[in-house]
Amino acid sequence: MTQFEKITESRETLGAFLTALPVIHGPWDTEFQARFCADCLYLGCDACPHEEFRNNPGWWLTLEAGNDQAAAEEREEK
């Protein structure tokens, strides 16, 4: 079994692998911010009602690829 085959056995395994990477900002962060932070009424992030999705590539892997990610990438470029 190759490393690729091992880390892509399941969404959970791939999510755990991505979580372990020492990245400052991943595409899951961009999508989280676009979906939950843009219209957030909370004054701080300490009590985020969407904490389960923050820094969670496993959540991001469940999303449909396409328009949402393209829009998020477009916002990131601006």
PDB file of N, CA and C in Angstrom:
ATOM      1  N   MET A   1       0.843  -1.175   0.000  1.00  0.00           N
ATOM      2  CA  MET A   1       0.000   0.000   0.000  1.00  0.00           C
ATOM      3  C   MET A   1       0.891   1.243   0.000  1.00  0.00           C
ATOM      4  N   THR A   2       0.584   2.198  -0.865  1.00  0.00           N
ATOM      5  CA  THR A   2       1.361   3.438  -0.928  1.00  0.00           C
ATOM      6  C   THR A   2       0.894   4.415   0.150  1.00  0.00           C
ATOM      7  N   GLN A   3       1.685   5.441   0.385  1.00  0.00           N
ATOM      8  CA  GLN A   3       1.288   6.489   1.343  1.00  0.00           C
ATOM      9  C   GLN A   3      -0.022   7.145   0.899  1.00  0.00           C
ATOM     10  N   PHE A   4      -0.147   7.398  -0.404  1.00  0.00           N
ATOM     11  CA  PHE A   4      -1.372   8.003  -0.937  1.00  0.00           C
ATOM     12  C   PHE A   4      -2.578   7.126  -0.629  1.00  0.00           C
ATOM     13  N   GLU A   5      -2.447   5.835  -0.905  1.00  0.00           N
ATOM     14  CA  GLU A   5      -3.557   4.913  -0.638  1.00  0.00           C
ATOM     15  C   GLU A   5      -3.916   4.895   0.849  1.00  0.00           C
ATOM     16  N   LYS A   6      -2.910   4.960   1.696  1.00  0.00           N
ATOM     17  CA  LYS A   6      -3.135   4.930   3.143  1.00  0.00           C
ATOM     18  C   LYS A   6      -3.897   6.169   3.611  1.00  0.00           C
ATOM     19  N   ILE A   7      -3.458   7.358   3.175  1.00  0.00           N
ATOM     20  CA  ILE A   7      -4.108   8.573   3.686  1.00  0.00           C
ATOM     21  C   ILE A   7      -5.442   8.862   3.010  1.00  0.00           C
ATOM     22  N   THR A   8      -5.730   8.166   1.912  1.00  0.00           N
ATOM     23  CA  THR A   8      -7.016   8.383   1.244  1.00  0.00           C
ATOM     24  C   THR A   8      -7.970   7.203   1.430  1.00  0.00           C
ATOM     25  N   GLU A   9      -7.705   6.364   2.415  1.00  0.00           N
ATOM     26  CA  GLU A   9      -8.581   5.227   2.711  1.00  0.00           C
ATOM     27  C   GLU A   9     -10.000   5.685   3.034  1.00  0.00           C
ATOM     28  N   SER A  10     -10.080   6.799   3.749  1.00  0.00           N
ATOM     29  CA  SER A  10     -11.391   7.322   4.149  1.00  0.00           C
ATOM     30  C   SER A  10     -11.295   8.835   4.318  1.00  0.00           C
ATOM     31  N   ARG A  11     -12.445   9.466   4.362  1.00  0.00           N
ATOM     32  CA  ARG A  11     -12.491  10.914   4.590  1.00  0.00           C
ATOM     33  C   ARG A  11     -11.884  11.249   5.950  1.00  0.00           C
ATOM     34  N   GLU A  12     -12.136  10.411   6.946  1.00  0.00           N
ATOM     35  CA  GLU A  12     -11.619  10.648   8.295  1.00  0.00           C
ATOM     36  C   GLU A  12     -10.092  10.566   8.318  1.00  0.00           C
ATOM     37  N   THR A  13      -9.532   9.580   7.621  1.00  0.00           N
ATOM     38  CA  THR A  13      -8.078   9.425   7.575  1.00  0.00           C
ATOM     39  C   THR A  13      -7.435  10.610   6.869  1.00  0.00           C
ATOM     40  N   LEU A  14      -8.016  11.022   5.748  1.00  0.00           N
ATOM     41  CA  LEU A  14      -7.477  12.175   5.028  1.00  0.00           C
ATOM     42  C   LEU A  14      -7.621  13.440   5.863  1.00  0.00           C
ATOM     43  N   GLY A  15      -8.754  13.609   6.522  1.00  0.00           N
ATOM     44  CA  GLY A  15      -8.958  14.769   7.395  1.00  0.00           C
ATOM     45  C   GLY A  15      -7.931  14.820   8.515  1.00  0.00           C
ATOM     46  N   ALA A  16      -7.646  13.682   9.133  1.00  0.00           N
ATOM     47  CA  ALA A  16      -6.643  13.626  10.203  1.00  0.00           C
ATOM     48  C   ALA A  16      -5.264  13.975   9.663  1.00  0.00           C
ATOM     49  N   PHE A  17      -4.941  13.493   8.476  1.00  0.00           N
ATOM     50  CA  PHE A  17      -3.660  13.819   7.854  1.00  0.00           C
ATOM     51  C   PHE A  17      -3.551  15.321   7.601  1.00  0.00           C
ATOM     52  N   LEU A  18      -4.593  15.917   7.023  1.00  0.00           N
ATOM     53  CA  LEU A  18      -4.572  17.355   6.731  1.00  0.00           C
ATOM     54  C   LEU A  18      -4.478  18.183   8.014  1.00  0.00           C
ATOM     55  N   THR A  19      -5.165  17.741   9.059  1.00  0.00           N
ATOM     56  CA  THR A  19      -5.117  18.442  10.342  1.00  0.00           C
ATOM     57  C   THR A  19      -3.701  18.445  10.906  1.00  0.00           C
ATOM     58  N   ALA A  20      -2.965  17.371  10.686  1.00  0.00           N
ATOM     59  CA  ALA A  20      -1.609  17.237  11.221  1.00  0.00           C
ATOM     60  C   ALA A  20      -0.585  18.091  10.481  1.00  0.00           C
ATOM     61  N   LEU A  21      -0.917  18.576   9.282  1.00  0.00           N
ATOM     62  CA  LEU A  21       0.027  19.392   8.528  1.00  0.00           C
ATOM     63  C   LEU A  21       0.216  20.750   9.203  1.00  0.00           C
ATOM     64  N   PRO A  22       1.448  21.218   9.295  1.00  0.00           N
ATOM     65  CA  PRO A  22       1.700  22.512   9.934  1.00  0.00           C
ATOM     66  C   PRO A  22       1.440  23.681   8.974  1.00  0.00           C
ATOM     67  N   VAL A  23       0.172  23.889   8.641  1.00  0.00           N
ATOM     68  CA  VAL A  23      -0.182  24.997   7.745  1.00  0.00           C
ATOM     69  C   VAL A  23      -0.830  26.112   8.562  1.00  0.00           C
ATOM     70  N   ILE A  24      -0.560  27.328   8.167  1.00  0.00           N
ATOM     71  CA  ILE A  24      -1.146  28.473   8.853  1.00  0.00           C
ATOM     72  C   ILE A  24      -2.568  28.705   8.381  1.00  0.00           C
ATOM     73  N   HIS A  25      -2.788  28.506   7.084  1.00  0.00           N
ATOM     74  CA  HIS A  25      -4.105  28.784   6.514  1.00  0.00           C
ATOM     75  C   HIS A  25      -4.350  27.816   5.360  1.00  0.00           C
ATOM     76  N   GLY A  26      -5.391  26.999   5.489  1.00  0.00           N
ATOM     77  CA  GLY A  26      -5.721  26.045   4.438  1.00  0.00           C
ATOM     78  C   GLY A  26      -7.022  26.421   3.761  1.00  0.00           C
ATOM     79  N   PRO A  27      -7.385  25.730   2.694  1.00  0.00           N
ATOM     80  CA  PRO A  27      -8.632  26.031   1.996  1.00  0.00           C
ATOM     81  C   PRO A  27      -9.859  25.827   2.881  1.00  0.00           C
ATOM     82  N   TRP A  28      -9.765  24.962   3.876  1.00  0.00           N
ATOM     83  CA  TRP A  28     -10.876  24.768   4.809  1.00  0.00           C
ATOM     84  C   TRP A  28     -11.079  26.009   5.661  1.00  0.00           C
ATOM     85  N   ASP A  29     -10.005  26.744   5.961  1.00  0.00           N
ATOM     86  CA  ASP A  29     -10.128  27.993   6.714  1.00  0.00           C
ATOM     87  C   ASP A  29     -10.833  29.060   5.883  1.00  0.00           C
ATOM     88  N   THR A  30     -10.463  29.145   4.606  1.00  0.00           N
ATOM     89  CA  THR A  30     -11.095  30.113   3.711  1.00  0.00           C
ATOM     90  C   THR A  30     -12.589  29.847   3.604  1.00  0.00           C
ATOM     91  N   GLU A  31     -12.954  28.586   3.455  1.00  0.00           N
ATOM     92  CA  GLU A  31     -14.371  28.228   3.329  1.00  0.00           C
ATOM     93  C   GLU A  31     -15.112  28.482   4.633  1.00  0.00           C
ATOM     94  N   PHE A  32     -14.482  28.184   5.767  1.00  0.00           N
ATOM     95  CA  PHE A  32     -15.086  28.458   7.072  1.00  0.00           C
ATOM     96  C   PHE A  32     -15.370  29.947   7.217  1.00  0.00           C
ATOM     97  N   GLN A  33     -14.390  30.766   6.899  1.00  0.00           N
ATOM     98  CA  GLN A  33     -14.554  32.212   7.031  1.00  0.00           C
ATOM     99  C   GLN A  33     -15.631  32.741   6.098  1.00  0.00           C
ATOM    100  N   ALA A  34     -15.691  32.212   4.879  1.00  0.00           N
ATOM    101  CA  ALA A  34     -16.704  32.661   3.925  1.00  0.00           C
ATOM    102  C   ALA A  34     -18.108  32.275   4.384  1.00  0.00           C
ATOM    103  N   ARG A  35     -18.253  31.091   4.951  1.00  0.00           N
ATOM    104  CA  ARG A  35     -19.578  30.606   5.348  1.00  0.00           C
ATOM    105  C   ARG A  35     -20.042  31.141   6.692  1.00  0.00           C
ATOM    106  N   PHE A  36     -19.123  31.270   7.640  1.00  0.00           N
ATOM    107  CA  PHE A  36     -19.538  31.561   9.003  1.00  0.00           C
ATOM    108  C   PHE A  36     -19.084  32.911   9.550  1.00  0.00           C
ATOM    109  N   CYS A  37     -17.996  33.457   9.077  1.00  0.00           N
ATOM    110  CA  CYS A  37     -17.450  34.687   9.667  1.00  0.00           C
ATOM    111  C   CYS A  37     -17.942  35.961   8.983  1.00  0.00           C
ATOM    112  N   ALA A  38     -18.273  35.886   7.715  1.00  0.00           N
ATOM    113  CA  ALA A  38     -18.612  37.078   6.945  1.00  0.00           C
ATOM    114  C   ALA A  38     -19.762  37.871   7.560  1.00  0.00           C
ATOM    115  N   ASP A  39     -20.783  37.181   8.041  1.00  0.00           N
ATOM    116  CA  ASP A  39     -21.950  37.860   8.616  1.00  0.00           C
ATOM    117  C   ASP A  39     -22.106  37.595  10.105  1.00  0.00           C
ATOM    118  N   CYS A  40     -21.023  37.260  10.763  1.00  0.00           N
ATOM    119  CA  CYS A  40     -21.070  36.896  12.177  1.00  0.00           C
ATOM    120  C   CYS A  40     -21.368  38.119  13.049  1.00  0.00           C
ATOM    121  N   LEU A  41     -22.239  37.929  14.013  1.00  0.00           N
ATOM    122  CA  LEU A  41     -22.613  39.009  14.926  1.00  0.00           C
ATOM    123  C   LEU A  41     -21.866  38.933  16.252  1.00  0.00           C
ATOM    124  N   TYR A  42     -21.041  37.905  16.458  1.00  0.00           N
ATOM    125  CA  TYR A  42     -20.295  37.753  17.699  1.00  0.00           C
ATOM    126  C   TYR A  42     -19.127  38.730  17.707  1.00  0.00           C
ATOM    127  N   LEU A  43     -18.838  39.270  18.874  1.00  0.00           N
ATOM    128  CA  LEU A  43     -17.750  40.236  18.987  1.00  0.00           C
ATOM    129  C   LEU A  43     -16.384  39.574  19.011  1.00  0.00           C
ATOM    130  N   GLY A  44     -16.325  38.335  19.422  1.00  0.00           N
ATOM    131  CA  GLY A  44     -15.057  37.620  19.479  1.00  0.00           C
ATOM    132  C   GLY A  44     -15.258  36.186  19.042  1.00  0.00           C
ATOM    133  N   CYS A  45     -14.160  35.522  18.810  1.00  0.00           N
ATOM    134  CA  CYS A  45     -14.230  34.146  18.332  1.00  0.00           C
ATOM    135  C   CYS A  45     -14.226  33.121  19.471  1.00  0.00           C
ATOM    136  N   ASP A  46     -14.087  33.585  20.702  1.00  0.00           N
ATOM    137  CA  ASP A  46     -13.998  32.656  21.827  1.00  0.00           C
ATOM    138  C   ASP A  46     -15.265  31.837  22.019  1.00  0.00           C
ATOM    139  N   ALA A  47     -16.404  32.374  21.637  1.00  0.00           N
ATOM    140  CA  ALA A  47     -17.682  31.663  21.807  1.00  0.00           C
ATOM    141  C   ALA A  47     -18.321  31.391  20.452  1.00  0.00           C
ATOM    142  N   CYS A  48     -17.525  30.985  19.498  1.00  0.00           N
ATOM    143  CA  CYS A  48     -18.023  30.749  18.141  1.00  0.00           C
ATOM    144  C   CYS A  48     -19.040  29.605  18.143  1.00  0.00           C
ATOM    145  N   PRO A  49     -20.231  29.849  17.606  1.00  0.00           N
ATOM    146  CA  PRO A  49     -21.224  28.779  17.566  1.00  0.00           C
ATOM    147  C   PRO A  49     -20.903  27.714  16.512  1.00  0.00           C
ATOM    148  N   HIS A  50     -19.887  27.954  15.723  1.00  0.00           N
ATOM    149  CA  HIS A  50     -19.501  27.013  14.669  1.00  0.00           C
ATOM    150  C   HIS A  50     -18.110  26.433  14.919  1.00  0.00           C
ATOM    151  N   GLU A  51     -17.712  26.379  16.159  1.00  0.00           N
ATOM    152  CA  GLU A  51     -16.367  25.933  16.531  1.00  0.00           C
ATOM    153  C   GLU A  51     -16.031  24.546  15.975  1.00  0.00           C
ATOM    154  N   GLU A  52     -17.028  23.675  15.866  1.00  0.00           N
ATOM    155  CA  GLU A  52     -16.772  22.319  15.382  1.00  0.00           C
ATOM    156  C   GLU A  52     -16.234  22.296  13.947  1.00  0.00           C
ATOM    157  N   PHE A  53     -16.450  23.376  13.208  1.00  0.00           N
ATOM    158  CA  PHE A  53     -15.997  23.443  11.817  1.00  0.00           C
ATOM    159  C   PHE A  53     -14.675  24.200  11.661  1.00  0.00           C
ATOM    160  N   ARG A  54     -14.284  24.965  12.662  1.00  0.00           N
ATOM    161  CA  ARG A  54     -13.054  25.767  12.595  1.00  0.00           C
ATOM    162  C   ARG A  54     -11.831  24.841  12.578  1.00  0.00           C
ATOM    163  N   ASN A  55     -10.880  25.138  11.691  1.00  0.00           N
ATOM    164  CA  ASN A  55      -9.649  24.340  11.572  1.00  0.00           C
ATOM    165  C   ASN A  55      -9.956  22.854  11.412  1.00  0.00           C
ATOM    166  N   ASN A  56     -10.999  22.558  10.645  1.00  0.00           N
ATOM    167  CA  ASN A  56     -11.461  21.186  10.514  1.00  0.00           C
ATOM    168  C   ASN A  56     -11.509  20.768   9.040  1.00  0.00           C
ATOM    169  N   PRO A  57     -10.400  20.241   8.515  1.00  0.00           N
ATOM    170  CA  PRO A  57     -10.422  19.806   7.123  1.00  0.00           C
ATOM    171  C   PRO A  57     -11.396  18.653   6.893  1.00  0.00           C
ATOM    172  N   GLY A  58     -11.721  17.895   7.936  1.00  0.00           N
ATOM    173  CA  GLY A  58     -12.699  16.820   7.791  1.00  0.00           C
ATOM    174  C   GLY A  58     -14.048  17.353   7.364  1.00  0.00           C
ATOM    175  N   TRP A  59     -14.444  18.488   7.919  1.00  0.00           N
ATOM    176  CA  TRP A  59     -15.701  19.151   7.533  1.00  0.00           C
ATOM    177  C   TRP A  59     -15.609  19.621   6.087  1.00  0.00           C
ATOM    178  N   TRP A  60     -14.504  20.233   5.754  1.00  0.00           N
ATOM    179  CA  TRP A  60     -14.303  20.767   4.405  1.00  0.00           C
ATOM    180  C   TRP A  60     -14.370  19.659   3.356  1.00  0.00           C
ATOM    181  N   LEU A  61     -13.869  18.481   3.685  1.00  0.00           N
ATOM    182  CA  LEU A  61     -13.882  17.359   2.748  1.00  0.00           C
ATOM    183  C   LEU A  61     -15.301  16.874   2.443  1.00  0.00           C
ATOM    184  N   THR A  62     -16.275  17.223   3.269  1.00  0.00           N
ATOM    185  CA  THR A  62     -17.659  16.810   3.024  1.00  0.00           C
ATOM    186  C   THR A  62     -18.377  17.747   2.065  1.00  0.00           C
ATOM    187  N   LEU A  63     -17.795  18.903   1.760  1.00  0.00           N
ATOM    188  CA  LEU A  63     -18.445  19.896   0.906  1.00  0.00           C
ATOM    189  C   LEU A  63     -18.333  19.523  -0.565  1.00  0.00           C
ATOM    190  N   GLU A  64     -19.336  19.912  -1.314  1.00  0.00           N
ATOM    191  CA  GLU A  64     -19.297  19.728  -2.764  1.00  0.00           C
ATOM    192  C   GLU A  64     -18.262  20.677  -3.357  1.00  0.00           C
ATOM    193  N   ALA A  65     -17.461  20.182  -4.249  1.00  0.00           N
ATOM    194  CA  ALA A  65     -16.492  21.024  -4.940  1.00  0.00           C
ATOM    195  C   ALA A  65     -17.229  21.820  -6.007  1.00  0.00           C
ATOM    196  N   GLY A  66     -16.771  23.017  -6.269  1.00  0.00           N
ATOM    197  CA  GLY A  66     -17.396  23.794  -7.330  1.00  0.00           C
ATOM    198  C   GLY A  66     -17.533  25.245  -6.982  1.00  0.00           C
ATOM    199  N   ASN A  67     -18.731  25.764  -7.139  1.00  0.00           N
ATOM    200  CA  ASN A  67     -18.983  27.196  -7.038  1.00  0.00           C
ATOM    201  C   ASN A  67     -18.579  27.801  -5.706  1.00  0.00           C
ATOM    202  N   ASP A  68     -18.841  27.141  -4.584  1.00  0.00           N
ATOM    203  CA  ASP A  68     -18.497  27.707  -3.286  1.00  0.00           C
ATOM    204  C   ASP A  68     -16.997  27.921  -3.165  1.00  0.00           C
ATOM    205  N   GLN A  69     -16.208  26.936  -3.572  1.00  0.00           N
ATOM    206  CA  GLN A  69     -14.772  27.072  -3.470  1.00  0.00           C
ATOM    207  C   GLN A  69     -14.245  28.107  -4.448  1.00  0.00           C
ATOM    208  N   ALA A  70     -14.807  28.164  -5.629  1.00  0.00           N
ATOM    209  CA  ALA A  70     -14.367  29.164  -6.608  1.00  0.00           C
ATOM    210  C   ALA A  70     -14.656  30.567  -6.078  1.00  0.00           C
ATOM    211  N   ALA A  71     -15.816  30.737  -5.468  1.00  0.00           N
ATOM    212  CA  ALA A  71     -16.164  32.045  -4.907  1.00  0.00           C
ATOM    213  C   ALA A  71     -15.236  32.393  -3.747  1.00  0.00           C
ATOM    214  N   ALA A  72     -14.914  31.423  -2.930  1.00  0.00           N
ATOM    215  CA  ALA A  72     -14.019  31.666  -1.802  1.00  0.00           C
ATOM    216  C   ALA A  72     -12.627  32.037  -2.290  1.00  0.00           C
ATOM    217  N   GLU A  73     -12.147  31.359  -3.317  1.00  0.00           N
ATOM    218  CA  GLU A  73     -10.835  31.684  -3.862  1.00  0.00           C
ATOM    219  C   GLU A  73     -10.826  33.082  -4.465  1.00  0.00           C
ATOM    220  N   GLU A  74     -11.910  33.454  -5.092  1.00  0.00           N
ATOM    221  CA  GLU A  74     -12.024  34.792  -5.672  1.00  0.00           C
ATOM    222  C   GLU A  74     -11.973  35.847  -4.578  1.00  0.00           C
ATOM    223  N   ARG A  75     -12.685  35.599  -3.461  1.00  0.00           N
ATOM    224  CA  ARG A  75     -12.664  36.544  -2.340  1.00  0.00           C
ATOM    225  C   ARG A  75     -11.275  36.636  -1.747  1.00  0.00           C
ATOM    226  N   GLU A  76     -10.573  35.520  -1.676  1.00  0.00           N
ATOM    227  CA  GLU A  76      -9.238  35.492  -1.094  1.00  0.00           C
ATOM    228  C   GLU A  76      -8.257  36.303  -1.934  1.00  0.00           C
ATOM    229  N   GLU A  77      -8.429  36.304  -3.241  1.00  0.00           N
ATOM    230  CA  GLU A  77      -7.532  37.049  -4.130  1.00  0.00           C
ATOM    231  C   GLU A  77      -7.698  38.555  -3.987  1.00  0.00           C
ATOM    232  N   LYS A  78      -8.867  39.014  -3.573  1.00  0.00           N
ATOM    233  CA  LYS A  78      -9.127  40.458  -3.467  1.00  0.00           C
ATOM    234  C   LYS A  78      -8.496  41.065  -2.278  1.00  0.00           C
TER     235      LYS A  78
END
